[in-house]
Protein backbone atom coordinates (compact mmCIF):
# COMPACT_ATOMS: atom_id res chain seq x y z
CA MET A 1 55.66 105.79 80.11
CA ASN A 2 56.17 105.37 76.22
CA THR A 3 56.03 101.36 75.95
CA ALA A 4 57.37 101.65 72.36
CA ILE A 5 60.34 101.13 73.21
CA TYR A 6 59.63 97.60 74.76
CA GLU A 7 58.93 96.08 71.53
CA THR A 8 62.08 97.82 69.49
CA ASP A 9 64.69 98.11 71.76
CA PHE A 10 64.39 95.95 75.37
CA TYR A 11 68.58 96.62 76.14
CA LEU A 12 67.30 100.25 75.97
CA TRP A 13 64.42 100.20 77.44
CA THR A 14 65.91 97.39 80.49
CA GLN A 15 68.44 99.72 81.23
CA GLN A 16 65.89 102.29 81.58
CA GLN A 17 64.04 100.23 83.49
CA ALA A 18 66.44 100.03 86.05
CA ASP A 19 67.92 103.86 85.76
CA LEU A 20 63.32 104.86 86.79
CA LEU A 21 63.88 102.44 89.90
CA ARG A 22 67.00 103.48 91.16
CA GLN A 23 65.87 106.76 91.08
CA GLY A 24 62.49 105.90 92.67
CA ALA A 25 60.12 106.84 89.52
CA LEU A 26 58.21 104.20 90.61
CA SER A 27 54.94 106.07 88.25
CA ALA A 28 57.50 106.41 85.12
CA LEU A 29 58.00 102.06 85.42
CA ASP A 30 56.49 100.53 82.35
CA THR A 31 55.10 98.12 85.05
CA GLU A 32 52.47 95.74 82.73
CA HIS A 33 55.85 94.41 80.84
CA LEU A 34 58.46 94.48 83.83
CA ILE A 35 55.41 92.25 85.57
CA GLU A 36 55.68 90.11 82.16
CA GLU A 37 59.86 90.12 82.29
CA VAL A 38 59.86 89.42 86.10
CA GLU A 39 56.98 85.91 85.60
CA SER A 40 59.60 85.30 82.28
CA MET A 41 62.41 85.48 84.60
CA GLY A 42 61.14 82.35 86.70
CA ARG A 43 59.73 80.55 83.57
CA ARG A 44 63.34 80.35 82.25
CA ASP A 45 64.58 79.54 85.88
CA ARG A 46 61.90 76.28 85.74
CA ASN A 47 62.88 75.55 82.10
CA ALA A 48 66.98 75.84 82.12
CA LEU A 49 66.47 72.91 85.40
CA ARG A 50 63.93 70.88 83.28
CA SER A 51 66.55 70.65 80.28
CA TYR A 52 69.26 69.69 82.80
CA LEU A 53 67.61 67.07 84.33
CA LEU A 54 65.68 65.82 81.34
CA ASN A 55 69.74 65.16 79.82
CA VAL A 56 70.92 63.78 82.50
CA THR A 57 68.69 61.38 83.03
CA MET A 58 68.71 60.39 78.91
CA HIS A 59 72.13 60.07 79.45
CA LEU A 60 71.70 58.21 82.76
CA LEU A 61 69.32 55.40 81.11
CA LYS A 62 71.82 55.60 77.78
CA TRP A 63 74.15 54.80 80.61
CA ARG A 64 72.34 51.54 82.27
CA TYR A 65 70.63 50.25 78.61
CA GLN A 66 73.28 50.49 76.31
CA PRO A 67 76.63 49.84 78.12
CA GLU A 68 78.58 49.05 75.60
CA ARG A 69 78.41 52.34 74.49
CA GLN A 70 79.47 53.86 77.43
CA GLY A 71 81.58 56.87 77.13
CA THR A 72 83.33 59.86 77.52
CA SER A 73 81.37 61.87 76.38
CA TRP A 74 78.02 60.37 77.95
CA ARG A 75 79.97 60.58 81.21
CA LEU A 76 80.96 64.74 80.51
CA SER A 77 77.74 64.70 80.01
CA ILE A 78 76.30 64.06 83.10
CA ALA A 79 78.51 65.29 85.04
CA ASN A 80 77.80 68.38 83.49
CA GLY A 81 74.17 68.50 83.49
CA ARG A 82 74.37 67.52 87.23
CA ASP A 83 77.13 70.58 87.56
CA GLN A 84 74.43 72.63 86.08
CA ILE A 85 71.21 71.77 88.52
CA THR A 86 73.30 72.31 91.63
CA TRP A 87 73.99 75.17 90.24
CA GLN A 88 70.93 76.67 89.45
CA ILE A 89 69.06 75.17 92.90
CA LYS A 90 71.85 77.11 94.19
CA ASP A 91 71.04 80.66 92.65
CA SER A 92 66.94 79.77 92.82
CA PRO A 93 66.61 77.25 95.98
CA SER A 94 62.77 77.39 95.63
CA LEU A 95 62.95 75.27 92.69
CA ARG A 96 64.24 72.04 94.43
CA PRO A 97 60.99 70.97 95.55
CA GLN A 98 59.85 71.45 92.03
CA LEU A 99 62.73 68.53 91.20
CA ALA A 100 60.20 65.64 91.29
CA GLY A 101 57.59 66.60 89.71
CA LEU A 102 59.63 68.51 86.96
CA LEU A 103 61.25 64.99 86.65
CA THR A 104 57.78 63.16 86.07
CA GLU A 105 57.04 65.82 83.28
CA ILE A 106 60.40 65.28 81.58
CA TYR A 107 60.70 60.93 81.90
CA PRO A 108 58.85 60.10 78.63
CA SER A 109 60.53 63.06 76.53
CA ALA A 110 64.58 61.66 77.75
CA ARG A 111 62.83 57.45 77.64
CA ARG A 112 61.79 58.82 73.65
CA LYS A 113 65.64 60.74 72.83
CA ALA A 114 67.48 57.73 74.65
CA ALA A 115 65.62 55.31 72.10
CA GLY A 116 65.92 57.33 69.20
CA GLU A 117 70.07 57.81 70.13
CA THR A 118 70.16 54.12 70.25
CA SER A 119 68.29 52.82 69.15
CA LEU A 120 66.57 50.38 71.62
CA PRO A 121 62.66 50.36 71.49
CA LEU A 122 60.68 51.61 73.33
CA THR A 123 59.88 49.02 75.59
CA ALA A 124 63.34 48.93 76.58
CA PHE A 125 63.24 51.51 79.09
CA PRO A 126 60.91 51.63 81.91
CA GLU A 127 57.67 53.50 82.07
CA GLN A 128 58.08 55.32 85.08
CA CYS A 129 61.38 56.63 86.05
CA PRO A 130 64.45 53.88 87.53
CA PHE A 131 66.47 57.10 88.99
CA THR A 132 65.94 58.76 92.40
CA VAL A 133 65.85 63.07 92.54
CA GLU A 134 68.64 61.96 95.16
CA GLU A 135 70.87 59.95 92.16
CA ILE A 136 69.81 62.05 89.28
CA THR A 137 71.93 65.14 91.27
CA GLY A 138 73.73 63.12 92.92
CA ASP A 139 77.57 60.72 92.00
CA TYR A 140 74.89 58.19 91.62
CA TRP A 141 76.18 55.95 87.92
CA PRO A 142 73.92 53.02 86.74
CA ASP A 143 74.92 49.70 87.01
């Protein structure tokens, strides 16, 4: 299989690989790049989940620590992020057990972003995430 097309026309490459799979022409597949792409798809889903968690966490921090600025846009951003997390987990349930680890991973960034967007000092936000995975993904609203 000529793999140069992978570099020059990715869409065409995907269509050719799909056709080869349908035909059962496994020996003609560009297996090296197929493996890379399948692994990449998993990373993409995980990265999307990480991004949604970060956004919801940051907005929940802002909601809790700057209550005078609570508004529709924050509420909608939190609701949208929660929906995205729900859909991502529905499509890839094996990501659910990774939520706690991802939350630990993203929290420092969410904290920094919340501080930057509120102009509150970083120290105004706890060093450890004050929300559980269930609170972030559920219908919880900080006081």
